[in-house]
Protein backbone atom coordinates (compact mmCIF):
# COMPACT_ATOMS: atom_id res chain seq x y z
CA MET A 1 -18.24 -23.65 -25.85
CA GLU A 2 -21.73 -24.43 -24.50
CA GLU A 3 -20.22 -25.75 -21.27
CA ARG A 4 -18.18 -22.54 -20.82
CA ARG A 5 -21.24 -20.37 -21.48
CA PHE A 6 -23.27 -22.38 -18.98
CA LEU A 7 -20.49 -22.10 -16.38
CA GLY A 8 -20.32 -18.33 -16.84
CA LEU A 9 -24.09 -17.93 -16.41
CA PHE A 10 -24.03 -20.23 -13.39
CA LEU A 11 -21.31 -18.14 -11.70
CA LEU A 12 -23.20 -14.91 -12.40
CA VAL A 13 -26.40 -16.31 -10.87
CA LEU A 14 -24.42 -17.64 -7.90
CA LEU A 15 -22.92 -14.20 -7.25
CA LEU A 16 -26.30 -12.46 -7.48
CA VAL A 17 -27.74 -14.89 -4.94
CA PHE A 18 -24.70 -14.38 -2.72
CA GLN A 19 -24.95 -10.58 -2.88
CA ALA A 20 -28.66 -10.64 -2.07
CA ALA A 21 -27.81 -12.31 1.22
CA LEU A 22 -25.17 -9.75 2.20
CA PRO A 23 -26.11 -7.35 5.01
CA GLY A 24 -26.11 -3.66 4.30
CA ARG A 25 -26.74 -3.85 0.54
CA GLY A 26 -30.04 -2.03 0.12
CA ASP A 27 -32.41 -2.03 -2.83
CA ASP A 28 -31.12 0.34 -5.54
CA ASP A 29 -34.60 1.86 -5.80
CA ASP A 30 -34.67 3.25 -2.28
CA ASP A 31 -32.73 6.21 -0.86
CA GLY A 32 -30.08 3.96 0.62
CA GLY A 33 -29.39 2.36 -2.77
CA ARG A 34 -28.73 5.56 -4.70
CA LEU A 35 -25.13 6.58 -5.19
CA LEU A 36 -24.03 9.72 -3.42
CA ASP A 37 -23.42 12.78 -5.56
CA PRO A 38 -20.11 13.95 -4.03
CA ARG A 39 -20.84 17.52 -5.15
CA LYS A 40 -23.49 17.64 -2.42
CA LEU A 41 -20.83 17.30 0.26
CA GLU A 42 -19.30 20.61 1.26
CA MET A 43 -15.52 20.49 1.39
CA PHE A 44 -13.32 21.46 4.33
CA VAL A 45 -16.00 21.28 7.04
CA ASP A 46 -14.49 18.48 9.14
CA GLU A 47 -11.27 19.00 11.06
CA LEU A 48 -8.47 16.56 10.34
CA PRO A 49 -8.25 14.14 13.27
CA ASP A 50 -5.03 12.77 14.68
CA MET A 51 -5.61 9.05 15.10
CA PRO A 52 -5.19 7.57 18.60
CA ARG A 53 -1.57 6.75 19.39
CA MET A 54 -0.54 3.49 21.03
CA ARG A 55 2.88 3.05 22.58
CA GLY A 56 4.49 -0.13 21.28
CA TYR A 57 6.92 -0.39 24.19
CA GLY A 58 6.91 -0.27 27.96
CA VAL A 59 8.88 1.87 30.42
CA THR A 60 10.04 0.60 33.79
CA GLU A 61 10.03 2.73 36.94
CA GLY A 62 13.72 3.32 36.35
CA GLY A 63 13.06 4.61 32.83
CA LYS A 64 14.30 1.56 30.95
CA LEU A 65 12.50 0.69 27.72
CA VAL A 66 11.08 -2.81 27.59
CA ALA A 67 9.00 -4.80 25.11
CA GLY A 68 5.44 -3.66 24.58
CA ASN A 69 2.41 -5.94 24.65
CA LEU A 70 -0.69 -4.85 22.74
CA THR A 71 -4.00 -6.45 21.90
CA ILE A 72 -5.68 -4.92 18.87
CA GLY A 73 -8.98 -6.13 17.54
CA MET A 74 -10.88 -5.88 14.27
CA TYR A 75 -14.45 -4.74 14.78
CA GLU A 76 -17.53 -3.92 12.75
CA THR A 77 -18.60 -0.44 13.77
CA MET A 78 -19.94 2.87 12.42
CA TRP A 79 -17.74 5.77 11.30
CA LYS A 80 -18.54 9.36 10.28
CA PHE A 81 -16.60 10.27 7.14
CA HIS A 82 -18.30 13.67 6.75
CA ARG A 83 -20.48 16.01 8.77
CA ASP A 84 -23.37 15.74 6.29
CA LEU A 85 -23.05 12.03 5.49
CA PRO A 86 -24.82 9.42 7.62
CA ALA A 87 -22.53 7.14 9.59
CA THR A 88 -20.91 4.37 7.55
CA ARG A 89 -20.57 0.72 8.42
CA VAL A 90 -16.85 -0.13 8.49
CA PHE A 91 -14.36 -2.67 9.73
CA ALA A 92 -11.85 -0.96 12.02
CA TYR A 93 -8.84 -1.65 14.24
CA GLY A 94 -8.90 -0.69 17.91
CA THR A 95 -8.77 -1.89 21.49
CA SER A 96 -12.59 -2.13 21.55
CA LYS A 97 -15.58 -1.64 19.27
CA GLU A 98 -16.21 1.74 20.89
CA THR A 99 -12.65 3.02 20.34
CA ALA A 100 -11.96 1.49 16.89
CA THR A 101 -11.13 4.08 14.22
CA VAL A 102 -10.55 4.43 10.47
CA PRO A 103 -7.58 4.52 10.05
CA GLY A 104 -6.68 2.48 13.10
CA PRO A 105 -4.49 3.70 15.97
CA THR A 106 -0.95 4.82 15.15
CA ILE A 107 1.48 2.42 16.80
CA GLU A 108 4.66 4.14 18.00
CA ALA A 109 7.54 1.69 18.39
CA MET A 110 11.14 2.17 19.47
CA GLN A 111 14.06 0.92 17.44
CA GLY A 112 15.42 -2.32 18.88
CA VAL A 113 12.59 -2.72 21.41
CA PRO A 114 10.18 -5.52 20.43
CA THR A 115 6.46 -4.90 20.08
CA TYR A 116 4.20 -7.89 20.64
CA VAL A 117 0.71 -7.58 19.18
CA THR A 118 -2.10 -10.09 19.54
CA TRP A 119 -4.54 -9.47 16.68
CA THR A 120 -8.11 -10.50 17.48
CA ASN A 121 -10.92 -10.94 14.96
CA HIS A 122 -14.37 -9.80 16.15
CA LEU A 123 -15.89 -9.45 12.68
CA PRO A 124 -19.37 -10.75 11.80
CA PRO A 125 -20.23 -13.98 9.96
CA ARG A 126 -20.56 -12.15 6.62
CA HIS A 127 -18.78 -9.34 4.83
CA PHE A 128 -20.88 -6.27 4.05
CA LEU A 129 -18.99 -5.66 0.76
CA PRO A 130 -19.15 -7.92 -2.30
CA TRP A 131 -16.26 -10.27 -2.92
CA ASP A 132 -15.57 -12.60 -5.80
CA PRO A 133 -15.70 -16.34 -5.01
CA THR A 134 -13.98 -17.17 -8.33
CA LEU A 135 -10.67 -15.65 -7.22
CA THR A 136 -8.06 -17.63 -5.32
CA ALA A 137 -9.29 -16.48 -1.94
CA ALA A 138 -9.74 -17.35 1.71
CA THR A 139 -13.13 -19.08 1.79
CA PRO A 140 -14.24 -20.25 5.22
CA GLY A 141 -17.74 -21.57 5.65
CA SER A 142 -18.57 -18.61 7.87
CA GLY A 143 -16.79 -15.51 9.11
CA VAL A 144 -14.62 -12.78 7.57
CA PRO A 145 -11.00 -13.94 7.12
CA THR A 146 -8.30 -11.45 8.14
CA VAL A 147 -4.57 -11.40 8.71
CA VAL A 148 -2.35 -8.38 9.39
CA HIS A 149 0.78 -7.42 7.45
CA LEU A 150 3.17 -4.79 8.83
CA HIS A 151 4.19 -3.14 5.56
CA GLY A 152 7.87 -2.20 5.65
CA GLY A 153 8.47 -4.27 8.76
CA VAL A 154 11.49 -6.54 9.15
CA GLN A 155 9.99 -9.54 10.92
CA HIS A 156 9.86 -13.35 10.92
CA SER A 157 7.54 -14.67 8.21
CA ALA A 158 5.25 -16.16 10.90
CA SER A 159 4.58 -12.53 11.96
CA ASP A 160 4.56 -11.09 8.43
CA GLY A 161 0.87 -11.58 7.71
CA HIS A 162 1.14 -14.30 5.08
CA SER A 163 -1.97 -14.20 2.90
CA LEU A 164 -2.77 -17.84 3.69
CA ALA A 165 -2.32 -17.35 7.47
CA TRP A 166 -5.82 -15.85 7.81
CA PHE A 167 -8.26 -16.53 10.62
CA THR A 168 -11.89 -15.77 11.42
CA ALA A 169 -13.59 -14.67 14.64
CA GLY A 170 -12.75 -16.88 17.58
CA LEU A 171 -10.30 -18.82 15.37
CA ALA A 172 -13.33 -20.78 14.13
CA ALA A 173 -11.56 -21.19 10.79
CA THR A 174 -7.91 -20.68 9.87
CA GLY A 175 -5.86 -20.67 6.69
CA PRO A 176 -3.35 -23.38 5.73
CA ARG A 177 -0.35 -21.26 6.83
CA PHE A 178 -1.85 -20.02 10.10
CA SER A 179 0.16 -20.55 13.27
CA SER A 180 -0.85 -17.88 15.82
CA PRO A 181 -2.55 -14.45 15.99
CA ALA A 182 0.24 -13.28 18.34
CA TYR A 183 2.90 -11.45 16.33
CA GLU A 184 6.37 -10.21 17.25
CA TYR A 185 7.79 -7.10 15.63
CA PRO A 186 11.50 -6.82 16.60
CA ASN A 187 11.79 -3.20 15.35
CA GLN A 188 15.46 -3.90 14.60
CA GLN A 189 15.48 -1.68 11.55
CA PRO A 190 16.18 1.96 10.71
CA PRO A 191 13.77 4.58 12.08
CA GLY A 192 10.97 5.36 9.68
CA ASN A 193 7.37 5.00 8.58
CA LEU A 194 5.45 1.76 8.19
CA TRP A 195 1.78 0.85 8.07
CA TYR A 196 -0.29 -2.20 8.92
CA HIS A 197 -3.19 -3.54 6.91
CA ASP A 198 -5.19 -6.62 6.07
CA HIS A 199 -3.53 -9.16 3.78
CA ALA A 200 -6.03 -12.03 3.49
CA MET A 201 -5.80 -13.94 0.23
CA GLY A 202 -8.22 -12.60 -2.38
CA LEU A 203 -9.86 -10.28 0.16
CA THR A 204 -7.20 -7.63 0.73
CA ARG A 205 -8.95 -5.09 -1.48
CA VAL A 206 -12.33 -5.42 0.27
CA ASN A 207 -10.95 -5.61 3.80
CA ILE A 208 -8.80 -2.51 3.36
CA LEU A 209 -11.69 -0.77 1.59
CA ALA A 210 -13.80 -1.61 4.65
CA GLY A 211 -11.26 0.20 6.87
CA LEU A 212 -8.60 -2.27 8.05
CA LEU A 213 -5.44 -0.13 7.92
CA GLY A 214 -3.34 2.00 10.25
CA ALA A 215 0.03 3.76 10.62
CA TYR A 216 3.11 2.46 12.46
CA ARG A 217 6.30 4.36 13.33
CA VAL A 218 9.73 3.15 14.36
CA ALA A 219 11.56 5.88 16.28
CA SER A 220 15.22 6.25 17.22
CA PRO A 221 15.41 9.31 19.49
CA ALA A 222 19.20 9.20 19.68
CA GLU A 223 19.54 9.46 15.89
CA GLU A 224 16.52 11.61 15.09
CA ALA A 225 16.85 14.30 17.77
CA ALA A 226 20.02 15.58 16.09
CA LEU A 227 18.06 16.22 12.88
CA ASN A 228 15.90 18.82 14.66
CA LEU A 229 12.91 18.16 12.39
CA PRO A 230 9.45 19.34 13.50
CA SER A 231 8.35 17.16 16.41
CA GLY A 232 5.53 16.71 18.89
CA GLU A 233 1.96 15.61 18.18
CA ALA A 234 0.89 19.05 16.95
CA PHE A 235 3.68 19.49 14.42
CA ASP A 236 4.50 15.92 13.34
CA ARG A 237 1.40 14.37 11.78
CA ASN A 238 0.48 11.23 9.86
CA LEU A 239 -1.69 11.85 6.78
CA VAL A 240 -3.38 8.68 5.56
CA LEU A 241 -5.02 9.27 2.17
CA PHE A 242 -7.47 7.09 0.26
CA ASP A 243 -10.50 7.37 -2.02
CA ARG A 244 -13.99 6.00 -1.43
CA ASP A 245 -17.43 5.85 -3.06
CA PHE A 246 -20.64 6.07 -1.02
CA ARG A 247 -24.35 5.57 -1.32
CA ALA A 248 -26.68 8.36 -0.24
CA ASP A 249 -27.35 6.50 3.03
CA GLY A 250 -23.63 6.70 3.89
CA SER A 251 -22.80 3.08 3.14
CA LEU A 252 -19.64 2.25 1.22
CA PHE A 253 -20.20 1.40 -2.42
CA MET A 254 -18.22 -1.18 -4.36
CA ASN A 255 -19.44 -2.33 -7.74
CA GLY A 256 -20.91 -5.81 -7.43
CA THR A 257 -20.61 -6.68 -11.14
CA GLY A 258 -17.28 -7.53 -12.73
CA ASN A 259 -15.92 -6.24 -16.02
CA ASN A 260 -15.91 -9.88 -17.23
CA PRO A 261 -18.88 -11.34 -15.31
CA SER A 262 -18.71 -14.67 -17.14
CA VAL A 263 -15.14 -15.09 -15.87
CA HIS A 264 -15.13 -13.18 -12.57
CA PRO A 265 -18.67 -12.14 -11.58
CA GLN A 266 -17.52 -9.34 -9.24
CA TRP A 267 -13.82 -8.54 -9.75
CA GLN A 268 -12.94 -5.21 -11.37
CA PRO A 269 -9.36 -4.30 -12.46
CA GLU A 270 -9.23 -1.16 -10.26
CA TYR A 271 -11.40 0.51 -7.63
CA PHE A 272 -11.78 4.29 -7.70
CA GLY A 273 -13.99 6.52 -5.59
CA PRO A 274 -14.82 10.21 -6.16
CA VAL A 275 -14.39 11.18 -2.49
CA VAL A 276 -10.87 11.79 -1.17
CA VAL A 277 -10.43 10.90 2.49
CA ALA A 278 -7.62 12.01 4.82
CA ASN A 279 -7.35 10.42 8.28
CA GLY A 280 -10.91 9.14 7.98
CA LYS A 281 -12.54 12.46 6.96
CA ALA A 282 -13.63 13.56 3.50
CA TRP A 283 -11.72 16.68 2.36
CA PRO A 284 -10.86 17.86 5.90
CA TYR A 285 -9.07 20.98 7.07
CA LEU A 286 -6.24 21.50 9.55
CA ARG A 287 -5.44 24.72 11.38
CA VAL A 288 -1.72 25.47 11.18
CA LEU A 289 0.67 28.18 12.33
CA ARG A 290 3.19 29.97 10.13
CA ARG A 291 5.95 27.51 10.92
CA ARG A 292 7.34 24.12 9.83
CA TYR A 293 5.24 20.96 10.02
CA ARG A 294 6.20 17.39 9.27
CA PHE A 295 3.68 15.24 7.37
CA ARG A 296 4.13 11.48 6.93
CA ILE A 297 1.88 10.97 3.89
CA LEU A 298 0.67 7.45 3.11
CA ASN A 299 -1.36 6.57 0.02
CA ALA A 300 -3.63 3.79 1.32
CA SER A 301 -5.86 3.70 -1.76
CA ASN A 302 -6.73 0.48 -3.55
CA ALA A 303 -5.58 1.73 -6.97
CA ARG A 304 -5.53 5.55 -7.06
CA PHE A 305 -2.25 7.42 -7.54
CA PHE A 306 -1.92 10.91 -6.08
CA ARG A 307 0.23 13.57 -7.74
CA LEU A 308 0.35 16.02 -4.88
CA SER A 309 1.03 19.74 -4.90
CA LEU A 310 0.24 22.74 -2.69
CA SER A 311 -1.58 25.86 -3.84
CA GLY A 312 0.40 29.09 -3.94
CA GLY A 313 3.51 27.25 -5.11
CA LEU A 314 4.42 26.15 -1.59
CA ARG A 315 7.04 23.42 -1.65
CA PHE A 316 7.59 20.08 0.05
CA VAL A 317 10.96 19.07 1.46
CA HIS A 318 11.32 15.28 1.43
CA VAL A 319 13.22 13.77 4.34
CA ALA A 320 12.31 10.08 3.94
CA SER A 321 10.71 7.73 1.44
CA ASP A 322 8.76 4.67 2.56
CA SER A 323 10.49 3.31 5.70
CA VAL A 324 13.97 4.86 5.34
CA TYR A 325 15.40 8.36 5.73
CA LEU A 326 17.04 9.95 2.71
CA ALA A 327 20.74 10.86 2.79
CA ARG A 328 19.85 14.50 2.09
CA PRO A 329 16.61 16.48 1.93
CA VAL A 330 15.01 16.93 -1.50
CA PRO A 331 12.69 19.89 -2.29
CA THR A 332 9.83 19.43 -4.76
CA ARG A 333 6.78 21.40 -5.91
CA ALA A 334 4.85 18.23 -6.77
CA PHE A 335 5.39 14.47 -6.52
CA LEU A 336 3.68 11.23 -7.46
CA LEU A 337 2.60 8.82 -4.72
CA ALA A 338 1.51 5.30 -5.67
CA PRO A 339 -0.75 3.06 -3.60
CA SER A 340 1.15 1.95 -0.45
CA GLU A 341 3.98 4.50 -0.88
CA ILE A 342 4.91 6.87 1.94
CA ALA A 343 6.38 10.33 1.46
CA ASP A 344 7.80 11.96 4.61
CA VAL A 345 7.89 15.72 4.01
CA VAL A 346 8.33 19.04 5.78
CA VAL A 347 6.17 22.03 4.80
CA ASP A 348 7.01 25.52 6.03
CA PHE A 349 3.84 27.61 6.17
CA ALA A 350 5.98 30.66 6.95
CA GLU A 351 6.74 30.60 3.21
CA SER A 352 3.05 31.05 2.32
CA GLY A 353 3.30 34.84 2.12
CA GLY A 354 0.01 36.51 2.97
CA ALA A 355 -2.11 33.43 2.19
CA THR A 356 -4.67 32.47 4.81
CA SER A 357 -5.18 28.97 3.45
CA ILE A 358 -3.29 26.41 1.37
CA VAL A 359 -4.94 23.51 -0.46
CA LEU A 360 -3.30 20.12 -0.86
CA ARG A 361 -4.44 18.79 -4.24
CA SER A 362 -3.87 16.00 -6.75
CA ASP A 363 -3.95 15.86 -10.55
CA ALA A 364 -3.04 12.22 -11.24
CA PRO A 365 -5.20 10.39 -13.82
CA ALA A 366 -7.20 7.34 -12.68
CA PRO A 367 -6.21 4.76 -13.72
CA TYR A 368 -2.61 5.89 -13.86
CA PRO A 369 -0.98 6.88 -16.19
CA GLY A 370 -4.13 7.01 -18.34
CA ASP A 371 -4.22 7.38 -22.11
CA PRO A 372 -1.66 9.61 -23.88
CA GLY A 373 -2.92 13.16 -24.15
CA ASP A 374 -5.52 12.81 -21.41
CA LYS A 375 -5.55 15.71 -18.95
CA ALA A 376 -6.58 14.78 -15.45
CA GLU A 377 -8.82 16.93 -13.32
CA THR A 378 -7.19 18.62 -10.34
CA VAL A 379 -9.04 17.57 -7.17
CA PRO A 380 -8.69 18.89 -3.61
CA VAL A 381 -7.39 16.56 -0.92
CA MET A 382 -7.54 18.80 2.16
CA LYS A 383 -7.03 22.40 3.25
CA PHE A 384 -4.58 24.00 5.66
CA VAL A 385 -6.10 27.04 7.39
CA ILE A 386 -3.28 29.36 8.44
CA GLU A 387 -3.87 31.00 11.79
CA ARG A 388 -3.45 34.76 11.90
CA GLY A 389 -0.70 36.27 13.98
CA ALA A 390 2.55 34.79 15.17
CA SER A 391 2.93 31.65 17.25
CA THR A 392 3.42 32.19 20.98
CA GLU A 393 6.35 29.75 20.72
CA PRO A 394 9.19 30.31 18.24
CA ASP A 395 9.79 27.61 15.63
CA THR A 396 13.15 26.13 16.60
CA SER A 397 12.88 23.21 14.16
CA SER A 398 14.93 23.06 10.96
CA VAL A 399 15.75 20.85 7.99
CA PRO A 400 19.43 19.88 8.11
CA ALA A 401 21.68 19.72 5.06
CA THR A 402 22.23 15.99 5.63
CA LEU A 403 19.88 13.40 7.13
CA MET A 404 21.06 9.78 7.24
CA PRO A 405 24.04 9.58 4.85
CA HIS A 406 25.59 6.57 6.61
CA TYR A 407 23.32 3.92 5.06
CA PRO A 408 25.08 1.68 2.52
CA LYS A 409 25.25 3.10 -0.99
CA PRO A 410 23.80 0.80 -3.65
CA ASP A 411 26.36 -1.03 -5.75
CA VAL A 412 25.11 -3.44 -8.42
CA ARG A 413 28.52 -5.12 -8.42
CA GLU A 414 27.49 -6.69 -5.09
CA ALA A 415 24.69 -8.64 -6.79
CA THR A 416 25.18 -12.40 -6.83
CA VAL A 417 22.12 -13.12 -9.00
CA THR A 418 20.22 -11.30 -11.75
CA ARG A 419 16.55 -12.20 -12.07
CA ARG A 420 13.99 -11.12 -14.62
CA ILE A 421 10.43 -10.56 -13.42
CA ALA A 422 7.84 -10.04 -16.17
CA MET A 423 4.45 -8.46 -15.52
CA TYR A 424 1.63 -9.90 -17.63
CA GLU A 425 -2.02 -8.90 -18.00
CA TYR A 426 -4.40 -11.38 -19.60
CA THR A 427 -7.64 -10.42 -21.32
CA LYS A 428 -10.76 -12.20 -22.40
CA GLU A 429 -10.55 -13.38 -25.99
CA GLY A 430 -12.07 -10.81 -28.32
CA THR A 431 -12.02 -8.00 -25.74
CA ASP A 432 -9.51 -5.78 -23.96
CA GLU A 433 -11.07 -6.54 -20.56
CA PRO A 434 -8.55 -8.03 -18.08
CA THR A 435 -9.21 -11.42 -16.54
CA HIS A 436 -6.09 -11.79 -14.35
CA LEU A 437 -2.48 -10.63 -13.94
CA TYR A 438 0.59 -12.78 -13.44
CA LEU A 439 4.24 -12.30 -12.51
CA ASN A 440 6.51 -14.39 -14.74
CA ALA A 441 3.41 -16.05 -16.21
CA ARG A 442 2.78 -17.89 -12.96
CA SER A 443 -0.10 -17.84 -10.52
CA TYR A 444 0.39 -17.21 -6.82
CA MET A 445 -0.24 -20.87 -5.99
CA ASP A 446 2.48 -22.15 -8.37
CA PRO A 447 5.65 -23.42 -6.67
CA VAL A 448 8.23 -20.94 -5.41
CA THR A 449 10.78 -19.85 -8.02
CA GLU A 450 12.47 -16.92 -6.21
CA THR A 451 14.83 -18.26 -3.52
CA PRO A 452 17.23 -15.43 -2.57
CA ARG A 453 20.10 -16.22 -0.25
CA GLU A 454 20.22 -14.34 3.04
CA GLY A 455 23.14 -11.95 3.27
CA THR A 456 23.29 -11.24 -0.46
CA SER A 457 22.01 -8.68 -2.95
CA GLU A 458 20.31 -9.37 -6.27
CA VAL A 459 19.51 -7.40 -9.40
CA TRP A 460 15.91 -7.69 -10.51
CA ASP A 461 15.00 -6.53 -14.00
CA VAL A 462 11.24 -5.96 -13.85
CA ILE A 463 9.67 -6.08 -17.33
CA ASN A 464 6.29 -4.34 -17.44
CA LEU A 465 4.38 -5.65 -20.46
CA THR A 466 1.11 -4.00 -19.41
CA ASP A 467 -0.40 -0.54 -19.89
CA ASP A 468 -0.52 0.14 -16.14
CA ASN A 469 1.98 1.57 -13.71
CA HIS A 470 2.47 -1.15 -11.08
CA PRO A 471 3.81 -0.28 -7.58
CA LEU A 472 6.07 -3.24 -6.85
CA HIS A 473 6.37 -4.18 -3.17
CA LEU A 474 8.71 -6.73 -1.60
CA HIS A 475 8.20 -8.08 1.89
CA LEU A 476 11.24 -8.14 4.21
CA ALA A 477 13.70 -6.68 1.68
CA LEU A 478 14.64 -3.14 0.75
CA PHE A 479 15.71 -2.12 -2.73
CA VAL A 480 16.97 0.81 -4.78
CA ALA A 481 15.75 1.71 -8.26
CA VAL A 482 18.85 1.83 -10.45
CA GLU A 483 17.31 2.75 -13.79
CA GLN A 484 14.17 2.60 -15.95
CA ARG A 485 14.35 2.13 -19.71
CA SER A 486 11.50 2.13 -22.22
CA LEU A 487 11.03 -0.86 -24.45
CA ARG A 488 10.82 -0.35 -28.20
CA ARG A 489 8.09 -2.16 -30.15
CA VAL A 490 6.61 -3.25 -26.84
CA ASP A 491 3.49 -4.77 -28.47
CA GLU A 492 5.69 -7.10 -30.50
CA LEU A 493 7.67 -8.11 -27.40
CA ARG A 494 4.48 -8.62 -25.37
CA GLU A 495 2.93 -10.92 -27.97
CA CYS A 496 6.13 -12.92 -28.31
CA MET A 497 6.70 -13.31 -24.57
CA MET A 498 3.12 -14.32 -23.89
CA ARG A 499 3.31 -16.85 -26.71
CA GLU A 500 6.63 -18.23 -25.48
CA ALA A 501 5.48 -18.33 -21.86
CA LYS A 502 2.36 -20.28 -22.81
CA ALA A 503 4.39 -22.73 -24.88
CA ALA A 504 6.85 -23.18 -22.00
CA ALA A 505 4.07 -24.17 -19.56
CA GLY A 506 4.04 -21.09 -17.36
CA GLY A 507 7.11 -19.14 -18.38
CA ARG A 508 9.70 -21.70 -17.38
CA GLY A 509 11.71 -21.35 -20.57
CA GLY A 510 13.17 -17.81 -20.51
CA ALA A 511 10.68 -16.06 -22.75
CA GLU A 512 12.55 -12.74 -22.57
CA ALA A 513 15.69 -14.29 -24.05
CA ALA A 514 13.81 -16.08 -26.81
CA CYS A 515 12.06 -12.84 -27.75
CA GLY A 516 15.20 -10.68 -27.85
CA LEU A 517 14.65 -8.43 -24.83
CA GLU A 518 18.01 -6.66 -25.32
CA ARG A 519 17.06 -5.79 -28.88
CA HIS A 520 13.85 -4.17 -27.65
CA LEU A 521 15.81 -2.20 -25.04
CA ALA A 522 18.40 -0.86 -27.50
CA GLY A 523 17.84 2.85 -27.97
CA GLY A 524 14.96 2.93 -25.48
CA ARG A 525 14.44 6.12 -23.50
CA ARG A 526 15.97 6.28 -20.04
CA HIS A 527 13.62 7.65 -17.38
CA VAL A 528 15.12 9.64 -14.55
CA VAL A 529 14.37 8.27 -11.08
CA PRO A 530 13.07 11.22 -9.01
CA ARG A 531 15.67 12.40 -6.49
CA GLN A 532 13.36 11.75 -3.54
CA GLU A 533 13.02 8.10 -4.67
CA ARG A 534 16.71 7.25 -5.06
CA GLY A 535 17.14 5.90 -1.53
CA TRP A 536 16.26 2.51 -0.06
CA LYS A 537 12.57 1.75 -0.54
CA ASN A 538 10.07 -1.08 -0.26
CA VAL A 539 7.78 0.14 -3.08
CA PHE A 540 8.66 1.47 -6.51
CA LYS A 541 6.50 2.51 -9.45
CA VAL A 542 7.17 0.31 -12.50
CA ARG A 543 6.24 2.32 -15.57
CA PRO A 544 4.30 0.62 -18.37
CA GLY A 545 6.36 -0.61 -21.29
CA THR A 546 9.67 -0.38 -19.42
CA VAL A 547 12.33 -2.49 -17.79
CA THR A 548 13.04 -1.26 -14.27
CA ARG A 549 16.29 -2.42 -12.72
CA VAL A 550 16.32 -2.62 -8.93
CA LEU A 551 19.05 -3.72 -6.54
CA VAL A 552 17.41 -5.84 -3.82
CA ARG A 553 19.11 -6.23 -0.45
CA PHE A 554 18.37 -9.48 1.40
CA ARG A 555 20.26 -8.46 4.52
CA PRO A 556 19.72 -5.78 7.20
CA LEU A 557 20.36 -2.19 6.19
CA SER A 558 21.78 -1.38 9.59
CA PRO A 559 24.33 -2.18 10.83
CA PRO A 560 25.75 -2.21 7.28
CA ASP A 561 28.15 -5.10 7.88
CA SER A 562 25.41 -7.41 9.16
CA ARG A 563 24.63 -10.31 6.85
CA ARG A 564 21.91 -12.02 8.88
CA PHE A 565 18.54 -10.93 10.14
CA PRO A 566 17.86 -11.20 13.90
CA PHE A 567 15.57 -14.21 13.32
CA ASP A 568 15.49 -17.31 11.15
CA VAL A 569 14.33 -16.10 7.73
CA THR A 570 14.22 -19.65 6.39
CA ALA A 571 11.50 -20.81 8.80
CA GLY A 572 7.77 -20.22 8.62
CA PRO A 573 5.48 -19.71 5.63
CA GLY A 574 7.89 -17.46 3.74
CA TYR A 575 7.53 -14.02 2.16
CA VAL A 576 5.98 -12.57 -0.99
CA TYR A 577 6.39 -9.83 -3.58
CA HIS A 578 3.48 -8.30 -5.45
CA CYS A 579 1.87 -5.36 -7.16
CA HIS A 580 0.31 -3.09 -4.55
CA ILE A 581 -2.69 -2.15 -6.62
CA LEU A 582 -4.92 -4.23 -4.37
CA ASP A 583 -7.27 -5.36 -7.14
CA HIS A 584 -4.26 -6.74 -9.05
CA GLU A 585 -2.71 -8.35 -5.98
CA ASP A 586 -6.00 -10.11 -5.22
CA ASN A 587 -6.14 -11.53 -8.74
CA GLU A 588 -2.83 -13.38 -8.81
CA MET A 589 -0.28 -10.54 -9.27
CA MET A 590 1.67 -11.88 -6.29
CA ARG A 591 4.34 -14.54 -5.95
CA PRO A 592 5.85 -16.42 -3.00
CA MET A 593 9.49 -15.91 -2.07
CA LYS A 594 11.55 -18.27 0.08
CA ILE A 595 14.78 -17.03 1.67
CA VAL A 596 17.53 -19.64 1.99
CA ARG A 597 20.81 -19.94 3.88
CA TYR A 598 24.01 -21.59 2.68
């Protein structure tokens, strides 16, 4: 006991010394150290920017599309989040320090035309945000480790941004799975929305918080033109949403003291900020005409869920979810968007009546779903200012009755394997404060246990034994949520499964069977999967105290009869699946996955 107490105190002192040496962390007694009161920032004073667009392909003189070659760097620079807030130190993607932005440039790729990106690290020797050295993390002697994951991309694992393939500036230090900073994205996948972000082991939450994220599109003009959706830069916009906390001097604030400082001196279970940011601006506005607009809305927050709605009862029409078009459009008045999820919607401001402005807002609790009976505050996200008068150009866009109905329909009878994936949260003895989170009672560094076979489908029953809603994300694969069922007497099941998993040395003995999972499911409530989330996705929200059944497809979605990916999925460092609450992912809620061929 004395040794553990001494170790805890030693780690706390070590972190305090470490933080004191970090640049940009001012004394809490001066103006720069005080936290910003967000009420002092006037809303809707900054116009929503459209991030720079980079073409991920080339065009010959004859008009033929050829592979694109890009070099995108990571830079430390300054960024203005609000008119009345001093510039903020950030890490940002761009072609130079002067042009780097938060979010980074939107990469526009063409289906079937490869995009080659060389990612270059120009970051300083030290991070300006606190990070926890007690986590399993990239820990070079000097430099900020980074590696880029194209979320939703179908690519070789050597170009997937493996968390242990990190590298520092000038390749001075590299992770154990590093091979090259030059990545190939084949873009041989359905048209849709992706995003790229940092994925360094144990540092994802701080690197994304610092600004390392950006949007990526895969277009198929031949397929998409027939849909006649709103198009063109003015009417087809990316909206990248996240929350942040600031000091009065404009610097980003992240709590430097953990909830269990004797275990993890800095790590907190979730990061939340009171300021909502859209495309790099706090509570911006956008001038719109009374016509249809398409918004590709990404939740790039660390942990915050958004339940989005529009004032005046204006509706959304969903046309895609994550990286894949829906079979048919789905209208909603409000919808829930988890961290890393993408909702692709059309809004018709001609339906706004005589309103001159419409506010996009959110009323999701933080953390989500919160305690029963809690009522969350409704907070603004941004405002649409509706221009007076008619547009000089008629709105010829539309929303068709069908979108992409030709994608394969999910059929659980195709599954060759059924797996059970249990989500565990561990707490410090005598408290309810989390210390770490595991999948199947295993840490990330434990040997691979999920080895799907290429060309097959599997059923995964995801058992959420925690009180949180976890957005589950799989790399490479797409999946469909088949059903969600509540567990009965979940506390009893949780205690039994944790006890059995511990006795079986890391969950290797089938704890769910020993604890009678089926008995706990009998009579449990069935939760309806929202219509806009019934297509192929790469993220799904796993409710607390439920078993969520998903059908996972380890083969290309298109063409539907293809059983192999256009690259060797068995080579390289492999893939992963994880919770996309970044603070959970960074503290072991991630597992490796190795695809095999027979």
